[in-house]
Amino acid sequence: MQQRGQRVDSAWRKSRLAARLLMKKVRRPLKGRELAAARQLSADPEVTNRLIEQGLYYLGIGERKEAFDRKLVERTN
């Protein structure tokens, strides 16, 4: 648990935001503002797949990760 005054690493914060956007993308199409943020995050070298995956687990995907991945791929096609 974080203590008061302790700052979260910027790469970790951006990756959690990217994870939230992925979760929204599975539920519905992204709106313009969200899409722009997703594009900006995807171009950021600090935001790695590994950190996004950790962000997904942090947000509670856990055991549902495989089903989440399938929905994400289906949504893309």
PDB file of N, CA and C in Angstrom:
ATOM      1  N   MET A   1       0.839  -1.178   0.000  1.00  0.00           N
ATOM      2  CA  MET A   1       0.000   0.000   0.000  1.00  0.00           C
ATOM      3  C   MET A   1       0.886   1.243   0.000  1.00  0.00           C
ATOM      4  N   GLN A   2       0.464   2.237  -0.721  1.00  0.00           N
ATOM      5  CA  GLN A   2       1.245   3.468  -0.782  1.00  0.00           C
ATOM      6  C   GLN A   2       1.047   4.299   0.474  1.00  0.00           C
ATOM      7  N   GLN A   3       2.118   4.954   0.850  1.00  0.00           N
ATOM      8  CA  GLN A   3       2.020   5.867   1.972  1.00  0.00           C
ATOM      9  C   GLN A   3       1.727   7.254   1.435  1.00  0.00           C
ATOM     10  N   ARG A   4       1.187   8.080   2.260  1.00  0.00           N
ATOM     11  CA  ARG A   4       0.858   9.437   1.867  1.00  0.00           C
ATOM     12  C   ARG A   4       2.121  10.159   1.425  1.00  0.00           C
ATOM     13  N   GLY A   5       2.012  10.877   0.319  1.00  0.00           N
ATOM     14  CA  GLY A   5       3.137  11.644  -0.175  1.00  0.00           C
ATOM     15  C   GLY A   5       4.025  10.876  -1.136  1.00  0.00           C
ATOM     16  N   GLN A   6       3.834   9.558  -1.222  1.00  0.00           N
ATOM     17  CA  GLN A   6       4.637   8.760  -2.133  1.00  0.00           C
ATOM     18  C   GLN A   6       4.002   8.832  -3.525  1.00  0.00           C
ATOM     19  N   ARG A   7       4.813   9.153  -4.544  1.00  0.00           N
ATOM     20  CA  ARG A   7       4.296   9.317  -5.899  1.00  0.00           C
ATOM     21  C   ARG A   7       4.443   8.022  -6.683  1.00  0.00           C
ATOM     22  N   VAL A   8       3.479   7.786  -7.550  1.00  0.00           N
ATOM     23  CA  VAL A   8       3.512   6.613  -8.410  1.00  0.00           C
ATOM     24  C   VAL A   8       4.365   6.947  -9.636  1.00  0.00           C
ATOM     25  N   ASP A   9       5.154   5.990 -10.074  1.00  0.00           N
ATOM     26  CA  ASP A   9       5.982   6.137 -11.255  1.00  0.00           C
ATOM     27  C   ASP A   9       5.119   6.539 -12.453  1.00  0.00           C
ATOM     28  N   SER A  10       5.600   7.477 -13.276  1.00  0.00           N
ATOM     29  CA  SER A  10       4.794   7.975 -14.395  1.00  0.00           C
ATOM     30  C   SER A  10       4.508   6.872 -15.420  1.00  0.00           C
ATOM     31  N   ALA A  11       5.462   5.992 -15.675  1.00  0.00           N
ATOM     32  CA  ALA A  11       5.229   4.910 -16.630  1.00  0.00           C
ATOM     33  C   ALA A  11       4.128   3.981 -16.119  1.00  0.00           C
ATOM     34  N   TRP A  12       4.134   3.704 -14.838  1.00  0.00           N
ATOM     35  CA  TRP A  12       3.108   2.847 -14.229  1.00  0.00           C
ATOM     36  C   TRP A  12       1.746   3.527 -14.296  1.00  0.00           C
ATOM     37  N   ARG A  13       1.703   4.816 -14.033  1.00  0.00           N
ATOM     38  CA  ARG A  13       0.438   5.561 -14.083  1.00  0.00           C
ATOM     39  C   ARG A  13      -0.130   5.566 -15.505  1.00  0.00           C
ATOM     40  N   LYS A  14       0.730   5.801 -16.495  1.00  0.00           N
ATOM     41  CA  LYS A  14       0.282   5.807 -17.895  1.00  0.00           C
ATOM     42  C   LYS A  14      -0.186   4.416 -18.314  1.00  0.00           C
ATOM     43  N   SER A  15       0.488   3.394 -17.845  1.00  0.00           N
ATOM     44  CA  SER A  15       0.118   2.030 -18.200  1.00  0.00           C
ATOM     45  C   SER A  15      -1.219   1.635 -17.588  1.00  0.00           C
ATOM     46  N   ARG A  16      -1.486   2.089 -16.379  1.00  0.00           N
ATOM     47  CA  ARG A  16      -2.806   1.825 -15.778  1.00  0.00           C
ATOM     48  C   ARG A  16      -3.895   2.524 -16.570  1.00  0.00           C
ATOM     49  N   LEU A  17      -3.614   3.737 -17.040  1.00  0.00           N
ATOM     50  CA  LEU A  17      -4.578   4.459 -17.867  1.00  0.00           C
ATOM     51  C   LEU A  17      -4.824   3.695 -19.169  1.00  0.00           C
ATOM     52  N   ALA A  18      -3.755   3.180 -19.783  1.00  0.00           N
ATOM     53  CA  ALA A  18      -3.899   2.378 -21.004  1.00  0.00           C
ATOM     54  C   ALA A  18      -4.727   1.120 -20.715  1.00  0.00           C
ATOM     55  N   ALA A  19      -4.521   0.503 -19.569  1.00  0.00           N
ATOM     56  CA  ALA A  19      -5.292  -0.684 -19.190  1.00  0.00           C
ATOM     57  C   ALA A  19      -6.773  -0.335 -19.035  1.00  0.00           C
ATOM     58  N   ARG A  20      -7.053   0.796 -18.426  1.00  0.00           N
ATOM     59  CA  ARG A  20      -8.460   1.223 -18.283  1.00  0.00           C
ATOM     60  C   ARG A  20      -9.105   1.442 -19.653  1.00  0.00           C
ATOM     61  N   LEU A  21      -8.341   2.035 -20.573  1.00  0.00           N
ATOM     62  CA  LEU A  21      -8.871   2.257 -21.920  1.00  0.00           C
ATOM     63  C   LEU A  21      -9.137   0.926 -22.628  1.00  0.00           C
ATOM     64  N   LEU A  22      -8.273  -0.056 -22.429  1.00  0.00           N
ATOM     65  CA  LEU A  22      -8.508  -1.381 -23.009  1.00  0.00           C
ATOM     66  C   LEU A  22      -9.775  -2.006 -22.440  1.00  0.00           C
ATOM     67  N   MET A  23      -9.986  -1.842 -21.143  1.00  0.00           N
ATOM     68  CA  MET A  23     -11.192  -2.388 -20.514  1.00  0.00           C
ATOM     69  C   MET A  23     -12.438  -1.720 -21.083  1.00  0.00           C
ATOM     70  N   LYS A  24     -12.364  -0.416 -21.318  1.00  0.00           N
ATOM     71  CA  LYS A  24     -13.500   0.291 -21.915  1.00  0.00           C
ATOM     72  C   LYS A  24     -13.735  -0.182 -23.341  1.00  0.00           C
ATOM     73  N   LYS A  25     -12.631  -0.427 -24.083  1.00  0.00           N
ATOM     74  CA  LYS A  25     -12.747  -0.858 -25.471  1.00  0.00           C
ATOM     75  C   LYS A  25     -13.468  -2.189 -25.582  1.00  0.00           C
ATOM     76  N   VAL A  26     -13.301  -3.056 -24.606  1.00  0.00           N
ATOM     77  CA  VAL A  26     -13.984  -4.348 -24.621  1.00  0.00           C
ATOM     78  C   VAL A  26     -15.485  -4.149 -24.442  1.00  0.00           C
ATOM     79  N   ARG A  27     -15.871  -3.171 -23.631  1.00  0.00           N
ATOM     80  CA  ARG A  27     -17.297  -2.942 -23.346  1.00  0.00           C
ATOM     81  C   ARG A  27     -18.016  -2.160 -24.428  1.00  0.00           C
ATOM     82  N   ARG A  28     -17.324  -1.195 -25.038  1.00  0.00           N
ATOM     83  CA  ARG A  28     -17.969  -0.321 -26.025  1.00  0.00           C
ATOM     84  C   ARG A  28     -16.891   0.340 -26.887  1.00  0.00           C
ATOM     85  N   PRO A  29     -17.296   0.927 -28.021  1.00  0.00           N
ATOM     86  CA  PRO A  29     -16.303   1.656 -28.824  1.00  0.00           C
ATOM     87  C   PRO A  29     -15.791   2.878 -28.052  1.00  0.00           C
ATOM     88  N   LEU A  30     -14.532   3.198 -28.253  1.00  0.00           N
ATOM     89  CA  LEU A  30     -13.951   4.358 -27.572  1.00  0.00           C
ATOM     90  C   LEU A  30     -14.443   5.652 -28.208  1.00  0.00           C
ATOM     91  N   LYS A  31     -14.645   6.654 -27.382  1.00  0.00           N
ATOM     92  CA  LYS A  31     -15.036   7.975 -27.862  1.00  0.00           C
ATOM     93  C   LYS A  31     -13.793   8.695 -28.374  1.00  0.00           C
ATOM     94  N   GLY A  32     -13.982   9.799 -29.045  1.00  0.00           N
ATOM     95  CA  GLY A  32     -12.884  10.531 -29.662  1.00  0.00           C
ATOM     96  C   GLY A  32     -11.758  10.894 -28.712  1.00  0.00           C
ATOM     97  N   ARG A  33     -12.106  11.410 -27.565  1.00  0.00           N
ATOM     98  CA  ARG A  33     -11.093  11.814 -26.577  1.00  0.00           C
ATOM     99  C   ARG A  33     -10.311  10.601 -26.067  1.00  0.00           C
ATOM    100  N   GLU A  34     -11.041   9.492 -25.820  1.00  0.00           N
ATOM    101  CA  GLU A  34     -10.397   8.272 -25.350  1.00  0.00           C
ATOM    102  C   GLU A  34      -9.498   7.683 -26.438  1.00  0.00           C
ATOM    103  N   LEU A  35      -9.960   7.749 -27.672  1.00  0.00           N
ATOM    104  CA  LEU A  35      -9.171   7.232 -28.787  1.00  0.00           C
ATOM    105  C   LEU A  35      -7.877   8.032 -28.955  1.00  0.00           C
ATOM    106  N   ALA A  36      -7.971   9.343 -28.805  1.00  0.00           N
ATOM    107  CA  ALA A  36      -6.777  10.188 -28.905  1.00  0.00           C
ATOM    108  C   ALA A  36      -5.795   9.861 -27.785  1.00  0.00           C
ATOM    109  N   ALA A  37      -6.305   9.652 -26.595  1.00  0.00           N
ATOM    110  CA  ALA A  37      -5.436   9.293 -25.470  1.00  0.00           C
ATOM    111  C   ALA A  37      -4.781   7.933 -25.710  1.00  0.00           C
ATOM    112  N   ALA A  38      -5.556   6.978 -26.250  1.00  0.00           N
ATOM    113  CA  ALA A  38      -5.012   5.648 -26.537  1.00  0.00           C
ATOM    114  C   ALA A  38      -3.898   5.726 -27.573  1.00  0.00           C
ATOM    115  N   ARG A  39      -4.095   6.544 -28.593  1.00  0.00           N
ATOM    116  CA  ARG A  39      -3.049   6.711 -29.613  1.00  0.00           C
ATOM    117  C   ARG A  39      -1.790   7.323 -29.020  1.00  0.00           C
ATOM    118  N   GLN A  40      -1.972   8.313 -28.177  1.00  0.00           N
ATOM    119  CA  GLN A  40      -0.826   8.967 -27.546  1.00  0.00           C
ATOM    120  C   GLN A  40      -0.073   7.984 -26.634  1.00  0.00           C
ATOM    121  N   LEU A  41      -0.806   7.194 -25.877  1.00  0.00           N
ATOM    122  CA  LEU A  41      -0.177   6.217 -24.985  1.00  0.00           C
ATOM    123  C   LEU A  41       0.517   5.106 -25.766  1.00  0.00           C
ATOM    124  N   SER A  42      -0.063   4.711 -26.892  1.00  0.00           N
ATOM    125  CA  SER A  42       0.558   3.636 -27.675  1.00  0.00           C
ATOM    126  C   SER A  42       1.874   4.089 -28.296  1.00  0.00           C
ATOM    127  N   ALA A  43       2.038   5.388 -28.499  1.00  0.00           N
ATOM    128  CA  ALA A  43       3.289   5.913 -29.063  1.00  0.00           C
ATOM    129  C   ALA A  43       4.330   6.207 -27.989  1.00  0.00           C
ATOM    130  N   ASP A  44       3.924   6.168 -26.733  1.00  0.00           N
ATOM    131  CA  ASP A  44       4.836   6.489 -25.633  1.00  0.00           C
ATOM    132  C   ASP A  44       5.756   5.301 -25.339  1.00  0.00           C
ATOM    133  N   PRO A  45       7.077   5.499 -25.393  1.00  0.00           N
ATOM    134  CA  PRO A  45       7.996   4.380 -25.156  1.00  0.00           C
ATOM    135  C   PRO A  45       7.997   3.871 -23.709  1.00  0.00           C
ATOM    136  N   GLU A  46       7.509   4.667 -22.758  1.00  0.00           N
ATOM    137  CA  GLU A  46       7.448   4.224 -21.361  1.00  0.00           C
ATOM    138  C   GLU A  46       6.352   3.187 -21.126  1.00  0.00           C
ATOM    139  N   VAL A  47       5.324   3.226 -21.963  1.00  0.00           N
ATOM    140  CA  VAL A  47       4.170   2.338 -21.785  1.00  0.00           C
ATOM    141  C   VAL A  47       4.454   1.027 -22.523  1.00  0.00           C
ATOM    142  N   THR A  48       4.777   0.000 -21.759  1.00  0.00           N
ATOM    143  CA  THR A  48       5.114  -1.289 -22.356  1.00  0.00           C
ATOM    144  C   THR A  48       3.973  -2.278 -22.166  1.00  0.00           C
ATOM    145  N   ASN A  49       3.972  -3.325 -22.977  1.00  0.00           N
ATOM    146  CA  ASN A  49       2.940  -4.362 -22.856  1.00  0.00           C
ATOM    147  C   ASN A  49       2.948  -4.983 -21.462  1.00  0.00           C
ATOM    148  N   ARG A  50       4.139  -5.186 -20.935  1.00  0.00           N
ATOM    149  CA  ARG A  50       4.265  -5.788 -19.610  1.00  0.00           C
ATOM    150  C   ARG A  50       3.606  -4.922 -18.541  1.00  0.00           C
ATOM    151  N   LEU A  51       3.836  -3.612 -18.603  1.00  0.00           N
ATOM    152  CA  LEU A  51       3.223  -2.724 -17.618  1.00  0.00           C
ATOM    153  C   LEU A  51       1.715  -2.632 -17.797  1.00  0.00           C
ATOM    154  N   ILE A  52       1.246  -2.675 -19.041  1.00  0.00           N
ATOM    155  CA  ILE A  52      -0.203  -2.652 -19.280  1.00  0.00           C
ATOM    156  C   ILE A  52      -0.837  -3.920 -18.706  1.00  0.00           C
ATOM    157  N   GLU A  53      -0.176  -5.053 -18.906  1.00  0.00           N
ATOM    158  CA  GLU A  53      -0.695  -6.304 -18.347  1.00  0.00           C
ATOM    159  C   GLU A  53      -0.736  -6.246 -16.820  1.00  0.00           C
ATOM    160  N   GLN A  54       0.302  -5.685 -16.213  1.00  0.00           N
ATOM    161  CA  GLN A  54       0.295  -5.521 -14.759  1.00  0.00           C
ATOM    162  C   GLN A  54      -0.844  -4.591 -14.342  1.00  0.00           C
ATOM    163  N   GLY A  55      -1.092  -3.556 -15.128  1.00  0.00           N
ATOM    164  CA  GLY A  55      -2.199  -2.648 -14.846  1.00  0.00           C
ATOM    165  C   GLY A  55      -3.542  -3.347 -14.913  1.00  0.00           C
ATOM    166  N   LEU A  56      -3.699  -4.249 -15.894  1.00  0.00           N
ATOM    167  CA  LEU A  56      -4.943  -5.018 -15.995  1.00  0.00           C
ATOM    168  C   LEU A  56      -5.158  -5.882 -14.761  1.00  0.00           C
ATOM    169  N   TYR A  57      -4.101  -6.530 -14.311  1.00  0.00           N
ATOM    170  CA  TYR A  57      -4.210  -7.344 -13.091  1.00  0.00           C
ATOM    171  C   TYR A  57      -4.497  -6.463 -11.880  1.00  0.00           C
ATOM    172  N   TYR A  58      -3.887  -5.296 -11.828  1.00  0.00           N
ATOM    173  CA  TYR A  58      -4.121  -4.356 -10.734  1.00  0.00           C
ATOM    174  C   TYR A  58      -5.590  -3.934 -10.695  1.00  0.00           C
ATOM    175  N   LEU A  59      -6.191  -3.784 -11.875  1.00  0.00           N
ATOM    176  CA  LEU A  59      -7.585  -3.356 -11.963  1.00  0.00           C
ATOM    177  C   LEU A  59      -8.575  -4.512 -11.804  1.00  0.00           C
ATOM    178  N   GLY A  60      -8.060  -5.733 -11.600  1.00  0.00           N
ATOM    179  CA  GLY A  60      -8.948  -6.839 -11.250  1.00  0.00           C
ATOM    180  C   GLY A  60      -9.276  -7.818 -12.353  1.00  0.00           C
ATOM    181  N   ILE A  61      -8.527  -7.847 -13.438  1.00  0.00           N
ATOM    182  CA  ILE A  61      -8.807  -8.821 -14.492  1.00  0.00           C
ATOM    183  C   ILE A  61      -8.513 -10.231 -13.995  1.00  0.00           C
ATOM    184  N   GLY A  62      -7.337 -10.441 -13.429  1.00  0.00           N
ATOM    185  CA  GLY A  62      -6.964 -11.710 -12.807  1.00  0.00           C
ATOM    186  C   GLY A  62      -7.251 -12.936 -13.645  1.00  0.00           C
ATOM    187  N   GLU A  63      -8.089 -13.816 -13.112  1.00  0.00           N
ATOM    188  CA  GLU A  63      -8.381 -15.090 -13.759  1.00  0.00           C
ATOM    189  C   GLU A  63      -9.190 -14.922 -15.042  1.00  0.00           C
ATOM    190  N   ARG A  64      -9.787 -13.773 -15.250  1.00  0.00           N
ATOM    191  CA  ARG A  64     -10.589 -13.542 -16.457  1.00  0.00           C
ATOM    192  C   ARG A  64      -9.748 -13.054 -17.626  1.00  0.00           C
ATOM    193  N   LYS A  65      -8.420 -13.070 -17.503  1.00  0.00           N
ATOM    194  CA  LYS A  65      -7.530 -12.512 -18.523  1.00  0.00           C
ATOM    195  C   LYS A  65      -7.732 -13.146 -19.889  1.00  0.00           C
ATOM    196  N   GLU A  66      -7.860 -14.468 -19.967  1.00  0.00           N
ATOM    197  CA  GLU A  66      -8.033 -15.138 -21.260  1.00  0.00           C
ATOM    198  C   GLU A  66      -9.341 -14.715 -21.923  1.00  0.00           C
ATOM    199  N   ALA A  67     -10.427 -14.664 -21.175  1.00  0.00           N
ATOM    200  CA  ALA A  67     -11.710 -14.232 -21.724  1.00  0.00           C
ATOM    201  C   ALA A  67     -11.634 -12.772 -22.165  1.00  0.00           C
ATOM    202  N   PHE A  68     -10.949 -11.951 -21.389  1.00  0.00           N
ATOM    203  CA  PHE A  68     -10.766 -10.543 -21.731  1.00  0.00           C
ATOM    204  C   PHE A  68     -10.018 -10.415 -23.058  1.00  0.00           C
ATOM    205  N   ASP A  69      -8.938 -11.189 -23.224  1.00  0.00           N
ATOM    206  CA  ASP A  69      -8.159 -11.145 -24.468  1.00  0.00           C
ATOM    207  C   ASP A  69      -9.012 -11.557 -25.663  1.00  0.00           C
ATOM    208  N   ARG A  70      -9.829 -12.601 -25.491  1.00  0.00           N
ATOM    209  CA  ARG A  70     -10.705 -13.045 -26.584  1.00  0.00           C
ATOM    210  C   ARG A  70     -11.687 -11.959 -26.974  1.00  0.00           C
ATOM    211  N   LYS A  71     -12.301 -11.302 -25.985  1.00  0.00           N
ATOM    212  CA  LYS A  71     -13.257 -10.234 -26.268  1.00  0.00           C
ATOM    213  C   LYS A  71     -12.575  -9.069 -26.978  1.00  0.00           C
ATOM    214  N   LEU A  72     -11.365  -8.767 -26.555  1.00  0.00           N
ATOM    215  CA  LEU A  72     -10.622  -7.660 -27.159  1.00  0.00           C
ATOM    216  C   LEU A  72     -10.330  -7.956 -28.631  1.00  0.00           C
ATOM    217  N   VAL A  73      -9.941  -9.190 -28.931  1.00  0.00           N
ATOM    218  CA  VAL A  73      -9.658  -9.566 -30.320  1.00  0.00           C
ATOM    219  C   VAL A  73     -10.928  -9.574 -31.139  1.00  0.00           C
ATOM    220  N   GLU A  74     -12.032 -10.097 -30.575  1.00  0.00           N
ATOM    221  CA  GLU A  74     -13.307 -10.105 -31.284  1.00  0.00           C
ATOM    222  C   GLU A  74     -13.772  -8.681 -31.566  1.00  0.00           C
ATOM    223  N   ARG A  75     -13.575  -7.798 -30.635  1.00  0.00           N
ATOM    224  CA  ARG A  75     -13.991  -6.406 -30.779  1.00  0.00           C
ATOM    225  C   ARG A  75     -13.197  -5.712 -31.887  1.00  0.00           C
ATOM    226  N   THR A  76     -11.927  -6.086 -32.042  1.00  0.00           N
ATOM    227  CA  THR A  76     -11.066  -5.489 -33.051  1.00  0.00           C
ATOM    228  C   THR A  76     -11.478  -5.913 -34.449  1.00  0.00           C
ATOM    229  N   ASN A  77     -11.889  -7.178 -34.602  1.00  0.00           N
ATOM    230  CA  ASN A  77     -12.253  -7.694 -35.927  1.00  0.00           C
ATOM    231  C   ASN A  77     -13.574  -7.212 -36.384  1.00  0.00           C
TER     232      ASN A  77
END
